[in-house]
């Protein structure tokens, strides 16, 4: 996968996540969530996904010559440095959304190869 292909993929996925995030909020603000298990958990999941994908997009645009794995590693490091308060399930969903998005991109960039036959 080329950096341009990953940029297009990450941008498309970010746009989709942001649309779902917005729909789930119904015009509200994700910063004013009450921390309870609710429909907001889904919104926080999409928010985390959108933020992570935004980090990937910014990394690819800032360093277009980097290998895609290098770009994902840099975005992953930036994601890990983000301070996320321990505020319950909604914030856990936020972190999970970004982690899942990163894992999915890594799987596309480096899909698992065929399983070798067992040795006897």
N, C-alpha and C. Protein backbone atom coordinates (compact mmCIF):
# COMPACT_ATOMS: atom_id res chain seq x y z
N UNK A 1 0.85 -1.17 0.00
CA UNK A 1 0.00 0.00 0.00
C UNK A 1 0.90 1.23 0.00
N UNK A 2 0.58 2.17 -0.85
CA UNK A 2 1.36 3.40 -0.93
C UNK A 2 0.87 4.42 0.11
N UNK A 3 1.70 5.41 0.43
CA UNK A 3 1.24 6.46 1.33
C UNK A 3 -0.02 7.18 0.80
N UNK A 4 -0.09 7.39 -0.50
CA UNK A 4 -1.27 8.05 -1.07
C UNK A 4 -2.52 7.19 -0.89
N UNK A 5 -2.39 5.89 -1.04
CA UNK A 5 -3.53 5.00 -0.85
C UNK A 5 -3.97 4.97 0.62
N UNK A 6 -2.99 4.96 1.52
CA UNK A 6 -3.33 4.98 2.94
C UNK A 6 -3.97 6.32 3.32
N UNK A 7 -3.48 7.40 2.77
CA UNK A 7 -4.07 8.72 3.02
C UNK A 7 -5.52 8.75 2.58
N UNK A 8 -5.79 8.23 1.41
CA UNK A 8 -7.17 8.19 0.90
C UNK A 8 -8.05 7.31 1.80
N UNK A 9 -7.55 6.14 2.18
CA UNK A 9 -8.30 5.22 3.03
C UNK A 9 -8.58 5.84 4.40
N UNK A 10 -7.54 6.40 5.03
CA UNK A 10 -7.71 7.01 6.35
C UNK A 10 -8.66 8.20 6.28
N UNK A 11 -8.56 9.00 5.23
CA UNK A 11 -9.45 10.16 5.07
C UNK A 11 -10.90 9.72 4.90
N UNK A 12 -11.12 8.71 4.08
CA UNK A 12 -12.48 8.20 3.87
C UNK A 12 -13.05 7.62 5.16
N UNK A 13 -12.25 6.86 5.89
CA UNK A 13 -12.73 6.27 7.14
C UNK A 13 -12.98 7.34 8.19
N UNK A 14 -12.14 8.38 8.19
CA UNK A 14 -12.35 9.47 9.15
C UNK A 14 -13.65 10.20 8.86
N UNK A 15 -13.89 10.46 7.60
CA UNK A 15 -15.13 11.15 7.20
C UNK A 15 -16.34 10.33 7.63
N UNK A 16 -16.31 9.03 7.41
CA UNK A 16 -17.42 8.16 7.79
C UNK A 16 -17.60 8.13 9.31
N UNK A 17 -16.50 8.02 10.05
CA UNK A 17 -16.59 8.00 11.52
C UNK A 17 -17.14 9.31 12.06
N UNK A 18 -16.71 10.41 11.46
CA UNK A 18 -17.18 11.73 11.90
C UNK A 18 -18.66 11.90 11.63
N UNK A 19 -19.14 11.40 10.51
CA UNK A 19 -20.57 11.48 10.20
C UNK A 19 -21.40 10.69 11.21
N UNK A 20 -20.95 9.47 11.53
CA UNK A 20 -21.67 8.65 12.51
C UNK A 20 -21.61 9.32 13.88
N UNK A 21 -20.45 9.83 14.25
CA UNK A 21 -20.26 10.53 15.52
C UNK A 21 -21.25 11.68 15.65
N UNK A 22 -21.34 12.47 14.60
CA UNK A 22 -22.25 13.62 14.59
C UNK A 22 -23.71 13.17 14.72
N UNK A 23 -24.07 12.14 13.99
CA UNK A 23 -25.45 11.62 14.07
C UNK A 23 -25.78 11.12 15.47
N UNK A 24 -24.84 10.43 16.09
CA UNK A 24 -25.08 9.89 17.43
C UNK A 24 -25.21 10.99 18.48
N UNK A 25 -24.51 12.09 18.28
CA UNK A 25 -24.60 13.20 19.22
C UNK A 25 -25.91 13.98 19.08
N UNK A 26 -26.50 13.91 17.91
CA UNK A 26 -27.77 14.60 17.69
C UNK A 26 -27.68 16.09 17.95
N UNK A 27 -26.58 16.71 17.59
CA UNK A 27 -26.43 18.14 17.79
C UNK A 27 -25.81 18.52 19.11
N UNK A 28 -25.54 17.54 19.97
CA UNK A 28 -24.92 17.83 21.27
C UNK A 28 -23.41 17.86 21.16
N UNK A 29 -22.77 18.09 22.28
CA UNK A 29 -21.32 18.15 22.34
C UNK A 29 -20.77 16.93 23.06
N UNK A 30 -19.76 16.31 22.48
CA UNK A 30 -19.17 15.14 23.14
C UNK A 30 -18.35 15.54 24.36
N UNK A 31 -18.03 16.82 24.50
CA UNK A 31 -17.29 17.28 25.67
C UNK A 31 -18.19 17.40 26.89
N UNK A 32 -19.49 17.37 26.71
CA UNK A 32 -20.42 17.54 27.82
C UNK A 32 -21.15 16.25 28.16
N UNK A 33 -20.46 15.15 27.95
CA UNK A 33 -21.08 13.86 28.26
C UNK A 33 -21.05 13.61 29.75
N UNK A 34 -22.00 12.87 30.22
CA UNK A 34 -22.12 12.63 31.66
C UNK A 34 -21.33 11.43 32.16
N UNK A 35 -20.70 10.68 31.28
CA UNK A 35 -19.88 9.54 31.69
C UNK A 35 -20.67 8.27 31.94
N UNK A 36 -21.97 8.30 31.80
CA UNK A 36 -22.77 7.10 32.03
C UNK A 36 -22.81 6.25 30.78
N UNK A 37 -23.12 4.97 30.97
CA UNK A 37 -23.29 4.08 29.83
C UNK A 37 -24.56 4.51 29.11
N UNK A 38 -24.42 4.91 27.87
CA UNK A 38 -25.55 5.45 27.13
C UNK A 38 -25.24 5.43 25.65
N UNK A 39 -26.10 6.08 24.88
CA UNK A 39 -25.83 6.24 23.45
C UNK A 39 -24.55 7.02 23.24
N UNK A 40 -24.15 7.76 24.26
CA UNK A 40 -22.91 8.53 24.15
C UNK A 40 -21.69 7.63 24.04
N UNK A 41 -21.79 6.41 24.55
CA UNK A 41 -20.66 5.50 24.44
C UNK A 41 -20.32 5.26 22.96
N UNK A 42 -21.35 5.09 22.14
CA UNK A 42 -21.13 4.93 20.70
C UNK A 42 -20.53 6.18 20.09
N UNK A 43 -20.96 7.34 20.56
CA UNK A 43 -20.41 8.59 20.06
C UNK A 43 -18.94 8.71 20.45
N UNK A 44 -18.60 8.33 21.68
CA UNK A 44 -17.20 8.40 22.11
C UNK A 44 -16.34 7.42 21.32
N UNK A 45 -16.89 6.26 20.98
CA UNK A 45 -16.17 5.29 20.16
C UNK A 45 -15.81 5.91 18.82
N UNK A 46 -16.79 6.56 18.18
CA UNK A 46 -16.54 7.19 16.88
C UNK A 46 -15.64 8.40 17.01
N UNK A 47 -15.73 9.12 18.14
CA UNK A 47 -14.84 10.26 18.34
C UNK A 47 -13.39 9.80 18.40
N UNK A 48 -13.13 8.74 19.17
CA UNK A 48 -11.77 8.21 19.25
C UNK A 48 -11.27 7.73 17.90
N UNK A 49 -12.15 7.08 17.16
CA UNK A 49 -11.80 6.62 15.82
C UNK A 49 -11.44 7.80 14.93
N UNK A 50 -12.26 8.84 14.97
CA UNK A 50 -12.03 10.02 14.14
C UNK A 50 -10.73 10.72 14.52
N UNK A 51 -10.46 10.83 15.81
CA UNK A 51 -9.23 11.50 16.25
C UNK A 51 -8.01 10.71 15.80
N UNK A 52 -8.01 9.40 15.99
CA UNK A 52 -6.88 8.58 15.56
C UNK A 52 -6.66 8.71 14.06
N UNK A 53 -7.73 8.60 13.30
CA UNK A 53 -7.59 8.70 11.83
C UNK A 53 -7.10 10.08 11.43
N UNK A 54 -7.50 11.11 12.17
CA UNK A 54 -6.98 12.46 11.91
C UNK A 54 -5.48 12.53 12.14
N UNK A 55 -5.00 11.85 13.18
CA UNK A 55 -3.55 11.81 13.43
C UNK A 55 -2.82 11.12 12.27
N UNK A 56 -3.41 10.06 11.76
CA UNK A 56 -2.80 9.34 10.62
C UNK A 56 -2.77 10.26 9.39
N UNK A 57 -3.87 10.91 9.11
CA UNK A 57 -3.95 11.81 7.95
C UNK A 57 -2.91 12.93 8.08
N UNK A 58 -2.83 13.55 9.25
CA UNK A 58 -1.85 14.64 9.44
C UNK A 58 -0.42 14.13 9.29
N UNK A 59 -0.15 12.95 9.82
CA UNK A 59 1.19 12.38 9.70
C UNK A 59 1.55 12.13 8.23
N UNK A 60 0.62 11.57 7.49
CA UNK A 60 0.88 11.27 6.07
C UNK A 60 1.07 12.56 5.27
N UNK A 61 0.30 13.58 5.58
CA UNK A 61 0.45 14.85 4.86
C UNK A 61 1.74 15.56 5.22
N UNK A 62 2.14 15.46 6.48
CA UNK A 62 3.36 16.14 6.93
C UNK A 62 4.63 15.44 6.44
N UNK A 63 4.54 14.14 6.24
CA UNK A 63 5.71 13.34 5.85
C UNK A 63 5.34 12.40 4.71
N UNK A 64 5.04 12.95 3.53
CA UNK A 64 4.54 12.12 2.43
C UNK A 64 5.54 11.08 1.93
N UNK A 65 6.80 11.25 2.21
CA UNK A 65 7.80 10.30 1.74
C UNK A 65 8.03 9.13 2.68
N UNK A 66 7.43 9.18 3.86
CA UNK A 66 7.62 8.09 4.82
C UNK A 66 6.91 6.82 4.36
N UNK A 67 7.46 5.69 4.75
CA UNK A 67 6.81 4.40 4.55
C UNK A 67 5.51 4.39 5.35
N UNK A 68 4.51 3.68 4.88
CA UNK A 68 3.21 3.67 5.56
C UNK A 68 3.31 3.11 6.98
N UNK A 69 4.16 2.15 7.20
CA UNK A 69 4.31 1.61 8.56
C UNK A 69 4.93 2.65 9.48
N UNK A 70 5.88 3.41 8.98
CA UNK A 70 6.48 4.49 9.76
C UNK A 70 5.43 5.53 10.12
N UNK A 71 4.57 5.86 9.17
CA UNK A 71 3.50 6.82 9.43
C UNK A 71 2.53 6.31 10.48
N UNK A 72 2.16 5.04 10.39
CA UNK A 72 1.26 4.46 11.39
C UNK A 72 1.92 4.41 12.76
N UNK A 73 3.20 4.11 12.80
CA UNK A 73 3.92 4.08 14.08
C UNK A 73 3.94 5.47 14.71
N UNK A 74 4.18 6.51 13.90
CA UNK A 74 4.21 7.89 14.41
C UNK A 74 2.83 8.32 14.91
N UNK A 75 1.78 7.98 14.17
CA UNK A 75 0.42 8.30 14.60
C UNK A 75 0.07 7.54 15.87
N UNK A 76 0.50 6.30 15.96
CA UNK A 76 0.26 5.48 17.15
C UNK A 76 0.93 6.10 18.37
N UNK A 77 2.15 6.58 18.20
CA UNK A 77 2.87 7.22 19.32
C UNK A 77 2.15 8.50 19.75
N UNK A 78 1.68 9.28 18.79
CA UNK A 78 0.93 10.50 19.13
C UNK A 78 -0.36 10.16 19.86
N UNK A 79 -1.04 9.11 19.43
CA UNK A 79 -2.27 8.65 20.07
C UNK A 79 -1.99 8.23 21.52
N UNK A 80 -0.91 7.50 21.73
CA UNK A 80 -0.57 7.02 23.06
C UNK A 80 -0.22 8.17 24.01
N UNK A 81 0.30 9.27 23.46
CA UNK A 81 0.67 10.43 24.29
C UNK A 81 -0.53 11.29 24.67
N UNK A 82 -1.66 11.08 24.02
CA UNK A 82 -2.83 11.90 24.31
C UNK A 82 -3.31 11.67 25.73
N UNK A 83 -3.49 12.73 26.49
CA UNK A 83 -4.03 12.52 27.83
C UNK A 83 -5.53 12.24 27.74
N UNK A 84 -5.93 11.12 28.26
CA UNK A 84 -7.35 10.76 28.28
C UNK A 84 -7.72 10.53 29.74
N UNK A 85 -8.57 11.38 30.28
CA UNK A 85 -8.93 11.20 31.69
C UNK A 85 -9.68 9.90 31.92
N UNK A 86 -9.51 9.37 33.09
CA UNK A 86 -10.23 8.15 33.46
C UNK A 86 -11.60 8.57 33.97
N UNK A 87 -12.55 8.62 33.04
CA UNK A 87 -13.89 9.10 33.38
C UNK A 87 -14.96 8.05 33.15
N UNK A 88 -14.60 6.81 33.09
CA UNK A 88 -15.61 5.78 32.96
C UNK A 88 -15.72 5.19 31.57
N UNK A 89 -16.86 4.58 31.34
CA UNK A 89 -17.08 3.80 30.13
C UNK A 89 -17.03 4.62 28.85
N UNK A 90 -17.54 5.83 28.86
CA UNK A 90 -17.50 6.64 27.64
C UNK A 90 -16.07 6.92 27.21
N UNK A 91 -15.20 7.20 28.19
CA UNK A 91 -13.81 7.48 27.85
C UNK A 91 -13.08 6.21 27.46
N UNK A 92 -13.46 5.09 28.05
CA UNK A 92 -12.90 3.81 27.61
C UNK A 92 -13.28 3.55 26.15
N UNK A 93 -14.51 3.90 25.81
CA UNK A 93 -14.96 3.74 24.42
C UNK A 93 -14.17 4.63 23.48
N UNK A 94 -13.87 5.86 23.91
CA UNK A 94 -13.05 6.78 23.12
C UNK A 94 -11.71 6.14 22.79
N UNK A 95 -11.05 5.63 23.81
CA UNK A 95 -9.74 5.01 23.61
C UNK A 95 -9.87 3.77 22.73
N UNK A 96 -10.89 2.96 22.98
CA UNK A 96 -11.11 1.74 22.19
C UNK A 96 -11.36 2.07 20.72
N UNK A 97 -12.10 3.15 20.44
CA UNK A 97 -12.36 3.55 19.06
C UNK A 97 -11.09 3.84 18.29
N UNK A 98 -10.17 4.57 18.93
CA UNK A 98 -8.89 4.86 18.28
C UNK A 98 -8.03 3.62 18.14
N UNK A 99 -7.99 2.81 19.20
CA UNK A 99 -7.18 1.58 19.15
C UNK A 99 -7.68 0.64 18.05
N UNK A 100 -9.00 0.51 17.94
CA UNK A 100 -9.58 -0.36 16.90
C UNK A 100 -9.26 0.16 15.50
N UNK A 101 -9.36 1.47 15.33
CA UNK A 101 -9.07 2.07 14.01
C UNK A 101 -7.61 1.83 13.63
N UNK A 102 -6.72 2.00 14.59
CA UNK A 102 -5.30 1.78 14.32
C UNK A 102 -5.04 0.31 13.96
N UNK A 103 -5.63 -0.59 14.73
CA UNK A 103 -5.46 -2.03 14.45
C UNK A 103 -5.98 -2.37 13.06
N UNK A 104 -7.13 -1.81 12.68
CA UNK A 104 -7.71 -2.08 11.36
C UNK A 104 -6.81 -1.56 10.24
N UNK A 105 -6.24 -0.36 10.42
CA UNK A 105 -5.33 0.16 9.39
C UNK A 105 -4.07 -0.69 9.29
N UNK A 106 -3.56 -1.11 10.42
CA UNK A 106 -2.36 -1.97 10.39
C UNK A 106 -2.65 -3.28 9.67
N UNK A 107 -3.84 -3.82 9.85
CA UNK A 107 -4.21 -5.07 9.18
C UNK A 107 -4.30 -4.88 7.67
N UNK A 108 -4.72 -3.71 7.23
CA UNK A 108 -4.79 -3.43 5.79
C UNK A 108 -3.39 -3.24 5.22
N UNK A 109 -2.55 -2.55 5.97
CA UNK A 109 -1.19 -2.27 5.51
C UNK A 109 -0.34 -3.53 5.52
N UNK A 110 -0.49 -4.33 6.54
CA UNK A 110 0.30 -5.57 6.68
C UNK A 110 -0.63 -6.73 6.94
N UNK A 111 -1.38 -7.16 5.92
CA UNK A 111 -2.30 -8.27 6.17
C UNK A 111 -1.54 -9.52 6.55
N UNK A 112 -2.16 -10.33 7.39
CA UNK A 112 -1.48 -11.57 7.77
C UNK A 112 -1.31 -12.45 6.53
N UNK A 113 -0.17 -13.06 6.46
CA UNK A 113 0.12 -13.92 5.31
C UNK A 113 -0.53 -15.27 5.46
N UNK A 114 -0.35 -16.11 4.47
CA UNK A 114 -0.91 -17.46 4.58
C UNK A 114 -0.24 -18.22 5.71
N UNK A 115 -1.00 -19.07 6.31
CA UNK A 115 -0.48 -19.89 7.41
C UNK A 115 0.34 -21.02 6.80
N UNK A 116 1.60 -21.14 7.22
CA UNK A 116 2.42 -22.21 6.67
C UNK A 116 1.92 -23.57 7.15
N UNK A 117 2.14 -24.59 6.35
CA UNK A 117 1.71 -25.93 6.77
C UNK A 117 2.52 -26.37 7.98
N UNK A 118 1.91 -27.17 8.83
CA UNK A 118 2.65 -27.63 10.02
C UNK A 118 3.84 -28.49 9.61
N UNK A 119 4.89 -28.40 10.40
CA UNK A 119 6.06 -29.25 10.15
C UNK A 119 5.87 -30.55 10.92
N UNK A 120 6.41 -31.61 10.36
CA UNK A 120 6.25 -32.92 11.01
C UNK A 120 7.54 -33.41 11.56
